[in-house]
PDB file of N, CA and C in Angstrom:
ATOM      1  N   MET A   1     256.147 141.123 106.435  1.00  0.00           N
ATOM      2  CA  MET A   1     255.778 139.745 106.677  1.00  0.00           C
ATOM      3  C   MET A   1     255.624 139.026 105.341  1.00  0.00           C
ATOM      4  N   LEU A   2     256.129 137.811 105.320  1.00  0.00           N
ATOM      5  CA  LEU A   2     255.970 136.954 104.147  1.00  0.00           C
ATOM      6  C   LEU A   2     255.315 135.665 104.600  1.00  0.00           C
ATOM      7  N   ASN A   3     254.134 135.374 104.082  1.00  0.00           N
ATOM      8  CA  ASN A   3     253.424 134.148 104.434  1.00  0.00           C
ATOM      9  C   ASN A   3     253.259 133.299 103.185  1.00  0.00           C
ATOM     10  N   ILE A   4     254.050 132.245 103.107  1.00  0.00           N
ATOM     11  CA  ILE A   4     253.931 131.295 101.988  1.00  0.00           C
ATOM     12  C   ILE A   4     253.699 129.888 102.543  1.00  0.00           C
ATOM     13  N   SER A   5     252.902 129.843 103.594  1.00  0.00           N
ATOM     14  CA  SER A   5     252.491 128.568 104.172  1.00  0.00           C
ATOM     15  C   SER A   5     251.512 127.884 103.232  1.00  0.00           C
ATOM     16  N   ASP A   6     251.406 126.561 103.376  1.00  0.00           N
ATOM     17  CA  ASP A   6     250.419 125.767 102.626  1.00  0.00           C
ATOM     18  C   ASP A   6     250.567 125.889 101.112  1.00  0.00           C
ATOM     19  N   ASN A   7     251.796 125.840 100.620  1.00  0.00           N
ATOM     20  CA  ASN A   7     252.026 125.978  99.189  1.00  0.00           C
ATOM     21  C   ASN A   7     252.782 124.813  98.558  1.00  0.00           C
ATOM     22  N   ARG A   8     252.947 123.734  99.284  1.00  0.00           N
ATOM     23  CA  ARG A   8     253.649 122.541  98.770  1.00  0.00           C
ATOM     24  C   ARG A   8     255.087 122.835  98.349  1.00  0.00           C
ATOM     25  N   ILE A   9     255.698 123.803  98.969  1.00  0.00           N
ATOM     26  CA  ILE A   9     257.095 124.147  98.670  1.00  0.00           C
ATOM     27  C   ILE A   9     257.986 123.042  99.203  1.00  0.00           C
ATOM     28  N   SER A  10     258.864 122.523  98.363  1.00  0.00           N
ATOM     29  CA  SER A  10     259.767 121.456  98.809  1.00  0.00           C
ATOM     30  C   SER A  10     261.223 121.902  98.796  1.00  0.00           C
ATOM     31  N   VAL A  11     261.553 122.913  98.012  1.00  0.00           N
ATOM     32  CA  VAL A  11     262.935 123.377  97.898  1.00  0.00           C
ATOM     33  C   VAL A  11     262.973 124.897  98.038  1.00  0.00           C
ATOM     34  N   LEU A  12     263.905 125.356  98.867  1.00  0.00           N
ATOM     35  CA  LEU A  12     264.183 126.785  98.982  1.00  0.00           C
ATOM     36  C   LEU A  12     265.589 127.006  98.444  1.00  0.00           C
ATOM     37  N   LEU A  13     265.697 127.673  97.333  1.00  0.00           N
ATOM     38  CA  LEU A  13     266.994 127.887  96.700  1.00  0.00           C
ATOM     39  C   LEU A  13     267.849 128.863  97.506  1.00  0.00           C
ATOM     40  N   PRO A  14     269.157 128.624  97.556  1.00  0.00           N
ATOM     41  CA  PRO A  14     270.043 129.552  98.259  1.00  0.00           C
ATOM     42  C   PRO A  14     269.866 130.971  97.693  1.00  0.00           C
ATOM     43  N   GLY A  15     269.776 131.938  98.583  1.00  0.00           N
ATOM     44  CA  GLY A  15     269.630 133.330  98.164  1.00  0.00           C
ATOM     45  C   GLY A  15     268.212 133.761  97.872  1.00  0.00           C
ATOM     46  N   ILE A  16     267.253 132.869  98.012  1.00  0.00           N
ATOM     47  CA  ILE A  16     265.869 133.204  97.667  1.00  0.00           C
ATOM     48  C   ILE A  16     265.331 134.392  98.468  1.00  0.00           C
ATOM     49  N   PHE A  17     265.796 134.524  99.705  1.00  0.00           N
ATOM     50  CA  PHE A  17     265.294 135.607 100.548  1.00  0.00           C
ATOM     51  C   PHE A  17     266.213 136.829 100.551  1.00  0.00           C
ATOM     52  N   SER A  18     267.298 136.795  99.826  1.00  0.00           N
ATOM     53  CA  SER A  18     268.273 137.905  99.820  1.00  0.00           C
ATOM     54  C   SER A  18     267.661 139.270  99.515  1.00  0.00           C
ATOM     55  N   PRO A  19     266.782 139.393  98.530  1.00  0.00           N
ATOM     56  CA  PRO A  19     266.196 140.714  98.248  1.00  0.00           C
ATOM     57  C   PRO A  19     265.230 141.198  99.334  1.00  0.00           C
ATOM     58  N   MET A  20     264.885 140.327 100.276  1.00  0.00           N
ATOM     59  CA  MET A  20     263.884 140.656 101.291  1.00  0.00           C
ATOM     60  C   MET A  20     264.519 140.889 102.653  1.00  0.00           C
ATOM     61  N   LYS A  21     265.613 141.600 102.699  1.00  0.00           N
ATOM     62  CA  LYS A  21     266.389 141.723 103.934  1.00  0.00           C
ATOM     63  C   LYS A  21     265.676 142.465 105.060  1.00  0.00           C
ATOM     64  N   TYR A  22     264.595 143.175 104.777  1.00  0.00           N
ATOM     65  CA  TYR A  22     263.885 143.919 105.822  1.00  0.00           C
ATOM     66  C   TYR A  22     262.661 143.184 106.373  1.00  0.00           C
ATOM     67  N   ILE A  23     262.397 142.007 105.878  1.00  0.00           N
ATOM     68  CA  ILE A  23     261.245 141.232 106.363  1.00  0.00           C
ATOM     69  C   ILE A  23     261.485 140.811 107.810  1.00  0.00           C
ATOM     70  N   ASN A  24     260.459 140.932 108.643  1.00  0.00           N
ATOM     71  CA  ASN A  24     260.620 140.575 110.051  1.00  0.00           C
ATOM     72  C   ASN A  24     259.921 139.274 110.439  1.00  0.00           C
ATOM     73  N   GLN A  25     259.101 138.728 109.547  1.00  0.00           N
ATOM     74  CA  GLN A  25     258.418 137.462 109.819  1.00  0.00           C
ATOM     75  C   GLN A  25     258.322 136.654 108.538  1.00  0.00           C
ATOM     76  N   ILE A  26     258.683 135.382 108.623  1.00  0.00           N
ATOM     77  CA  ILE A  26     258.520 134.476 107.484  1.00  0.00           C
ATOM     78  C   ILE A  26     257.765 133.244 107.967  1.00  0.00           C
ATOM     79  N   TYR A  27     256.668 132.961 107.299  1.00  0.00           N
ATOM     80  CA  TYR A  27     255.842 131.801 107.620  1.00  0.00           C
ATOM     81  C   TYR A  27     255.922 130.807 106.468  1.00  0.00           C
ATOM     82  N   LEU A  28     256.526 129.666 106.747  1.00  0.00           N
ATOM     83  CA  LEU A  28     256.710 128.600 105.763  1.00  0.00           C
ATOM     84  C   LEU A  28     256.047 127.310 106.245  1.00  0.00           C
ATOM     85  N   ALA A  29     255.050 127.420 107.069  1.00  0.00           N
ATOM     86  CA  ALA A  29     254.406 126.267 107.692  1.00  0.00           C
ATOM     87  C   ALA A  29     253.675 125.402 106.670  1.00  0.00           C
ATOM     88  N   ARG A  30     253.597 124.128 107.003  1.00  0.00           N
ATOM     89  CA  ARG A  30     252.823 123.138 106.240  1.00  0.00           C
ATOM     90  C   ARG A  30     253.177 123.106 104.756  1.00  0.00           C
ATOM     91  N   ASN A  31     254.471 123.087 104.491  1.00  0.00           N
ATOM     92  CA  ASN A  31     254.969 122.855 103.142  1.00  0.00           C
ATOM     93  C   ASN A  31     255.645 121.479 103.143  1.00  0.00           C
ATOM     94  N   GLN A  32     256.564 121.247 102.261  1.00  0.00           N
ATOM     95  CA  GLN A  32     257.250 119.959 102.165  1.00  0.00           C
ATOM     96  C   GLN A  32     258.760 120.135 102.225  1.00  0.00           C
ATOM     97  N   ILE A  33     259.208 121.115 102.972  1.00  0.00           N
ATOM     98  CA  ILE A  33     260.628 121.457 103.064  1.00  0.00           C
ATOM     99  C   ILE A  33     261.358 120.401 103.890  1.00  0.00           C
ATOM    100  N   SER A  34     262.410 119.824 103.322  1.00  0.00           N
ATOM    101  CA  SER A  34     263.172 118.798 104.043  1.00  0.00           C
ATOM    102  C   SER A  34     264.602 119.223 104.324  1.00  0.00           C
ATOM    103  N   HIS A  35     265.028 120.343 103.750  1.00  0.00           N
ATOM    104  CA  HIS A  35     266.421 120.784 103.898  1.00  0.00           C
ATOM    105  C   HIS A  35     266.484 122.311 103.828  1.00  0.00           C
ATOM    106  N   LEU A  36     267.335 122.877 104.678  1.00  0.00           N
ATOM    107  CA  LEU A  36     267.591 124.317 104.631  1.00  0.00           C
ATOM    108  C   LEU A  36     269.052 124.523 104.271  1.00  0.00           C
ATOM    109  N   SER A  37     269.316 125.216 103.191  1.00  0.00           N
ATOM    110  CA  SER A  37     270.685 125.459 102.728  1.00  0.00           C
ATOM    111  C   SER A  37     271.402 126.435 103.639  1.00  0.00           C
ATOM    112  N   ALA A  38     272.709 126.274 103.729  1.00  0.00           N
ATOM    113  CA  ALA A  38     273.540 127.220 104.479  1.00  0.00           C
ATOM    114  C   ALA A  38     273.355 128.612 103.891  1.00  0.00           C
ATOM    115  N   GLY A  39     273.194 129.598 104.740  1.00  0.00           N
ATOM    116  CA  GLY A  39     273.077 130.979 104.288  1.00  0.00           C
ATOM    117  C   GLY A  39     271.742 131.356 103.689  1.00  0.00           C
ATOM    118  N   ILE A  40     270.745 130.508 103.800  1.00  0.00           N
ATOM    119  CA  ILE A  40     269.440 130.815 103.190  1.00  0.00           C
ATOM    120  C   ILE A  40     268.835 132.101 103.760  1.00  0.00           C
ATOM    121  N   PHE A  41     269.147 132.401 105.015  1.00  0.00           N
ATOM    122  CA  PHE A  41     268.613 133.605 105.652  1.00  0.00           C
ATOM    123  C   PHE A  41     269.694 134.668 105.864  1.00  0.00           C
ATOM    124  N   THR A  42     270.752 134.641 105.072  1.00  0.00           N
ATOM    125  CA  THR A  42     271.855 135.592 105.194  1.00  0.00           C
ATOM    126  C   THR A  42     271.363 137.028 105.057  1.00  0.00           C
ATOM    127  N   ASN A  43     271.913 137.899 105.890  1.00  0.00           N
ATOM    128  CA  ASN A  43     271.619 139.340 105.879  1.00  0.00           C
ATOM    129  C   ASN A  43     270.186 139.691 106.266  1.00  0.00           C
ATOM    130  N   MET A  44     269.500 138.781 106.924  1.00  0.00           N
ATOM    131  CA  MET A  44     268.124 139.074 107.355  1.00  0.00           C
ATOM    132  C   MET A  44     268.137 139.491 108.822  1.00  0.00           C
ATOM    133  N   LYS A  45     268.779 140.618 109.092  1.00  0.00           N
ATOM    134  CA  LYS A  45     268.974 141.045 110.478  1.00  0.00           C
ATOM    135  C   LYS A  45     267.687 141.490 111.166  1.00  0.00           C
ATOM    136  N   TYR A  46     266.627 141.701 110.434  1.00  0.00           N
ATOM    137  CA  TYR A  46     265.354 142.104 111.032  1.00  0.00           C
ATOM    138  C   TYR A  46     264.399 140.930 111.249  1.00  0.00           C
ATOM    139  N   LEU A  47     264.778 139.748 110.787  1.00  0.00           N
ATOM    140  CA  LEU A  47     263.904 138.581 110.912  1.00  0.00           C
ATOM    141  C   LEU A  47     263.743 138.213 112.380  1.00  0.00           C
ATOM    142  N   GLY A  48     262.513 138.258 112.870  1.00  0.00           N
ATOM    143  CA  GLY A  48     262.238 137.975 114.273  1.00  0.00           C
ATOM    144  C   GLY A  48     261.461 136.695 114.489  1.00  0.00           C
ATOM    145  N   ILE A  49     260.610 136.333 113.533  1.00  0.00           N
ATOM    146  CA  ILE A  49     259.788 135.124 113.656  1.00  0.00           C
ATOM    147  C   ILE A  49     259.968 134.290 112.402  1.00  0.00           C
ATOM    148  N   LEU A  50     260.259 133.015 112.613  1.00  0.00           N
ATOM    149  CA  LEU A  50     260.422 132.073 111.517  1.00  0.00           C
ATOM    150  C   LEU A  50     259.601 130.832 111.828  1.00  0.00           C
ATOM    151  N   ASP A  51     258.598 130.560 111.020  1.00  0.00           N
ATOM    152  CA  ASP A  51     257.717 129.413 111.225  1.00  0.00           C
ATOM    153  C   ASP A  51     258.012 128.357 110.165  1.00  0.00           C
ATOM    154  N   LEU A  52     258.621 127.270 110.604  1.00  0.00           N
ATOM    155  CA  LEU A  52     258.927 126.128 109.740  1.00  0.00           C
ATOM    156  C   LEU A  52     258.140 124.898 110.177  1.00  0.00           C
ATOM    157  N   SER A  53     257.089 125.088 110.936  1.00  0.00           N
ATOM    158  CA  SER A  53     256.322 123.962 111.459  1.00  0.00           C
ATOM    159  C   SER A  53     255.604 123.223 110.330  1.00  0.00           C
ATOM    160  N   GLY A  54     255.394 121.931 110.559  1.00  0.00           N
ATOM    161  CA  GLY A  54     254.628 121.129 109.613  1.00  0.00           C
ATOM    162  C   GLY A  54     255.319 120.857 108.297  1.00  0.00           C
ATOM    163  N   ASN A  55     256.630 120.745 108.310  1.00  0.00           N
ATOM    164  CA  ASN A  55     257.389 120.407 107.110  1.00  0.00           C
ATOM    165  C   ASN A  55     257.990 119.008 107.256  1.00  0.00           C
ATOM    166  N   ASN A  56     259.025 118.714 106.511  1.00  0.00           N
ATOM    167  CA  ASN A  56     259.668 117.405 106.545  1.00  0.00           C
ATOM    168  C   ASN A  56     261.116 117.481 107.015  1.00  0.00           C
ATOM    169  N   LEU A  57     261.411 118.452 107.870  1.00  0.00           N
ATOM    170  CA  LEU A  57     262.780 118.602 108.367  1.00  0.00           C
ATOM    171  C   LEU A  57     263.134 117.439 109.276  1.00  0.00           C
ATOM    172  N   LYS A  58     264.305 116.871 109.057  1.00  0.00           N
ATOM    173  CA  LYS A  58     264.788 115.764 109.882  1.00  0.00           C
ATOM    174  C   LYS A  58     266.003 116.167 110.707  1.00  0.00           C
ATOM    175  N   ILE A  59     266.856 116.994 110.129  1.00  0.00           N
ATOM    176  CA  ILE A  59     268.075 117.465 110.786  1.00  0.00           C
ATOM    177  C   ILE A  59     268.073 118.989 110.764  1.00  0.00           C
ATOM    178  N   VAL A  60     268.363 119.579 111.902  1.00  0.00           N
ATOM    179  CA  VAL A  60     268.462 121.039 111.996  1.00  0.00           C
ATOM    180  C   VAL A  60     269.941 121.368 112.143  1.00  0.00           C
ATOM    181  N   LYS A  61     270.504 121.968 111.105  1.00  0.00           N
ATOM    182  CA  LYS A  61     271.918 122.344 111.105  1.00  0.00           C
ATOM    183  C   LYS A  61     272.077 123.800 111.525  1.00  0.00           C
ATOM    184  N   ALA A  62     273.286 124.155 111.922  1.00  0.00           N
ATOM    185  CA  ALA A  62     273.562 125.510 112.402  1.00  0.00           C
ATOM    186  C   ALA A  62     273.649 126.535 111.271  1.00  0.00           C
ATOM    187  N   GLU A  63     274.195 126.153 110.130  1.00  0.00           N
ATOM    188  CA  GLU A  63     274.492 127.114 109.062  1.00  0.00           C
ATOM    189  C   GLU A  63     273.304 127.948 108.593  1.00  0.00           C
ATOM    190  N   PRO A  64     272.127 127.391 108.397  1.00  0.00           N
ATOM    191  CA  PRO A  64     271.028 128.237 107.907  1.00  0.00           C
ATOM    192  C   PRO A  64     270.639 129.369 108.858  1.00  0.00           C
ATOM    193  N   PHE A  65     270.928 129.196 110.143  1.00  0.00           N
ATOM    194  CA  PHE A  65     270.493 130.166 111.139  1.00  0.00           C
ATOM    195  C   PHE A  65     271.611 131.094 111.613  1.00  0.00           C
ATOM    196  N   ALA A  66     272.781 130.963 111.034  1.00  0.00           N
ATOM    197  CA  ALA A  66     273.940 131.772 111.447  1.00  0.00           C
ATOM    198  C   ALA A  66     273.638 133.261 111.300  1.00  0.00           C
ATOM    199  N   GLY A  67     273.899 134.007 112.348  1.00  0.00           N
ATOM    200  CA  GLY A  67     273.726 135.450 112.322  1.00  0.00           C
ATOM    201  C   GLY A  67     272.322 135.949 112.605  1.00  0.00           C
ATOM    202  N   LEU A  68     271.366 135.057 112.730  1.00  0.00           N
ATOM    203  CA  LEU A  68     269.990 135.483 113.010  1.00  0.00           C
ATOM    204  C   LEU A  68     269.805 135.775 114.487  1.00  0.00           C
ATOM    205  N   GLN A  69     268.925 136.699 114.784  1.00  0.00           N
ATOM    206  CA  GLN A  69     268.540 137.032 116.155  1.00  0.00           C
ATOM    207  C   GLN A  69     267.029 136.898 116.263  1.00  0.00           C
ATOM    208  N   LEU A  70     266.537 135.687 116.117  1.00  0.00           N
ATOM    209  CA  LEU A  70     265.101 135.430 116.133  1.00  0.00           C
ATOM    210  C   LEU A  70     264.529 135.554 117.540  1.00  0.00           C
ATOM    211  N   GLN A  71     263.314 136.062 117.629  1.00  0.00           N
ATOM    212  CA  GLN A  71     262.593 136.016 118.890  1.00  0.00           C
ATOM    213  C   GLN A  71     261.862 134.684 119.018  1.00  0.00           C
ATOM    214  N   GLN A  72     261.473 134.119 117.868  1.00  0.00           N
ATOM    215  CA  GLN A  72     260.711 132.872 117.895  1.00  0.00           C
ATOM    216  C   GLN A  72     260.985 132.064 116.643  1.00  0.00           C
ATOM    217  N   ILE A  73     261.215 130.770 116.845  1.00  0.00           N
ATOM    218  CA  ILE A  73     261.309 129.842 115.723  1.00  0.00           C
ATOM    219  C   ILE A  73     260.402 128.661 116.026  1.00  0.00           C
ATOM    220  N   LEU A  74     259.554 128.341 115.082  1.00  0.00           N
ATOM    221  CA  LEU A  74     258.592 127.252 115.249  1.00  0.00           C
ATOM    222  C   LEU A  74     259.010 126.081 114.371  1.00  0.00           C
ATOM    223  N   LEU A  75     259.258 124.934 115.015  1.00  0.00           N
ATOM    224  CA  LEU A  75     259.729 123.742 114.304  1.00  0.00           C
ATOM    225  C   LEU A  75     258.847 122.523 114.570  1.00  0.00           C
ATOM    226  N   GLY A  76     257.718 122.717 115.196  1.00  0.00           N
ATOM    227  CA  GLY A  76     256.840 121.596 115.532  1.00  0.00           C
ATOM    228  C   GLY A  76     256.314 120.878 114.303  1.00  0.00           C
ATOM    229  N   ASN A  77     255.881 119.643 114.514  1.00  0.00           N
ATOM    230  CA  ASN A  77     255.292 118.814 113.460  1.00  0.00           C
ATOM    231  C   ASN A  77     256.217 118.606 112.271  1.00  0.00           C
ATOM    232  N   ASN A  78     257.498 118.423 112.564  1.00  0.00           N
ATOM    233  CA  ASN A  78     258.477 117.980 111.582  1.00  0.00           C
ATOM    234  C   ASN A  78     258.897 116.570 111.995  1.00  0.00           C
ATOM    235  N   GLN A  79     259.868 116.019 111.353  1.00  0.00           N
ATOM    236  CA  GLN A  79     260.375 114.691 111.696  1.00  0.00           C
ATOM    237  C   GLN A  79     261.806 114.806 112.217  1.00  0.00           C
ATOM    238  N   ILE A  80     262.047 115.787 113.049  1.00  0.00           N
ATOM    239  CA  ILE A  80     263.396 116.102 113.516  1.00  0.00           C
ATOM    240  C   ILE A  80     263.931 114.983 114.400  1.00  0.00           C
ATOM    241  N   SER A  81     265.074 114.452 113.983  1.00  0.00           N
ATOM    242  CA  SER A  81     265.751 113.414 114.766  1.00  0.00           C
ATOM    243  C   SER A  81     267.054 113.924 115.351  1.00  0.00           C
ATOM    244  N   HIS A  82     267.547 115.060 114.849  1.00  0.00           N
ATOM    245  CA  HIS A  82     268.825 115.585 115.324  1.00  0.00           C
ATOM    246  C   HIS A  82     268.858 117.104 115.153  1.00  0.00           C
ATOM    247  N   ILE A  83     269.279 117.785 116.216  1.00  0.00           N
ATOM    248  CA  ILE A  83     269.540 119.221 116.157  1.00  0.00           C
ATOM    249  C   ILE A  83     271.024 119.397 116.423  1.00  0.00           C
ATOM    250  N   GLU A  84     271.722 119.927 115.450  1.00  0.00           N
ATOM    251  CA  GLU A  84     273.166 120.118 115.537  1.00  0.00           C
ATOM    252  C   GLU A  84     273.520 121.025 116.717  1.00  0.00           C
ATOM    253  N   ASN A  85     274.633 120.705 117.380  1.00  0.00           N
ATOM    254  CA  ASN A  85     275.102 121.550 118.480  1.00  0.00           C
ATOM    255  C   ASN A  85     275.182 123.000 118.032  1.00  0.00           C
ATOM    256  N   ASN A  86     274.710 123.891 118.848  1.00  0.00           N
ATOM    257  CA  ASN A  86     274.722 125.331 118.600  1.00  0.00           C
ATOM    258  C   ASN A  86     273.868 125.770 117.410  1.00  0.00           C
ATOM    259  N   ALA A  87     273.023 124.914 116.921  1.00  0.00           N
ATOM    260  CA  ALA A  87     272.201 125.278 115.762  1.00  0.00           C
ATOM    261  C   ALA A  87     271.309 126.474 116.050  1.00  0.00           C
ATOM    262  N   LEU A  88     270.767 126.545 117.230  1.00  0.00           N
ATOM    263  CA  LEU A  88     269.812 127.601 117.537  1.00  0.00           C
ATOM    264  C   LEU A  88     270.185 128.409 118.772  1.00  0.00           C
ATOM    265  N   ASN A  89     271.325 128.128 119.362  1.00  0.00           N
ATOM    266  CA  ASN A  89     271.712 128.794 120.611  1.00  0.00           C
ATOM    267  C   ASN A  89     271.722 130.303 120.503  1.00  0.00           C
ATOM    268  N   ASP A  90     272.340 130.842 119.484  1.00  0.00           N
ATOM    269  CA  ASP A  90     272.465 132.295 119.352  1.00  0.00           C
ATOM    270  C   ASP A  90     271.362 132.923 118.525  1.00  0.00           C
ATOM    271  N   SER A  91     270.542 132.104 117.890  1.00  0.00           N
ATOM    272  CA  SER A  91     269.611 132.660 116.926  1.00  0.00           C
ATOM    273  C   SER A  91     268.188 132.831 117.440  1.00  0.00           C
ATOM    274  N   SER A  92     267.854 132.257 118.582  1.00  0.00           N
ATOM    275  CA  SER A  92     266.459 132.321 118.993  1.00  0.00           C
ATOM    276  C   SER A  92     266.300 132.416 120.509  1.00  0.00           C
ATOM    277  N   SER A  93     265.391 133.275 120.940  1.00  0.00           N
ATOM    278  CA  SER A  93     265.104 133.350 122.358  1.00  0.00           C
ATOM    279  C   SER A  93     263.943 132.431 122.732  1.00  0.00           C
ATOM    280  N   GLU A  94     263.140 132.021 121.750  1.00  0.00           N
ATOM    281  CA  GLU A  94     262.042 131.102 122.008  1.00  0.00           C
ATOM    282  C   GLU A  94     262.008 130.041 120.923  1.00  0.00           C
ATOM    283  N   LEU A  95     262.142 128.800 121.360  1.00  0.00           N
ATOM    284  CA  LEU A  95     262.147 127.665 120.450  1.00  0.00           C
ATOM    285  C   LEU A  95     260.906 126.842 120.714  1.00  0.00           C
ATOM    286  N   ASN A  96     260.121 126.575 119.683  1.00  0.00           N
ATOM    287  CA  ASN A  96     258.912 125.790 119.837  1.00  0.00           C
ATOM    288  C   ASN A  96     259.040 124.552 118.968  1.00  0.00           C
ATOM    289  N   LEU A  97     259.144 123.388 119.622  1.00  0.00           N
ATOM    290  CA  LEU A  97     259.263 122.131 118.896  1.00  0.00           C
ATOM    291  C   LEU A  97     257.964 121.344 118.890  1.00  0.00           C
ATOM    292  N   MET A  98     256.900 121.896 119.428  1.00  0.00           N
ATOM    293  CA  MET A  98     255.647 121.170 119.502  1.00  0.00           C
ATOM    294  C   MET A  98     254.835 121.371 118.255  1.00  0.00           C
TER     295      MET A  98
END
């Protein structure tokens, strides 16, 4: 588990999580993240829970979540105005937008 919530993080560099391929939970809640780069979660086949709630996300694109098999993704308390077609269809069994 990686919990870096409440840290004023605004940018996640591509590949930042690459060395952590066995992590099963990432908590990034209540930061200032406004964009997720394509492939940011590449090779994270064990990632089951991803908490992005309370950030500044406006658009949810498909590329950052490609290949993930999440059990839960939390996106509540963002400013989401658009979720790209198929962005989360294959990657999550439970989507929480509240």
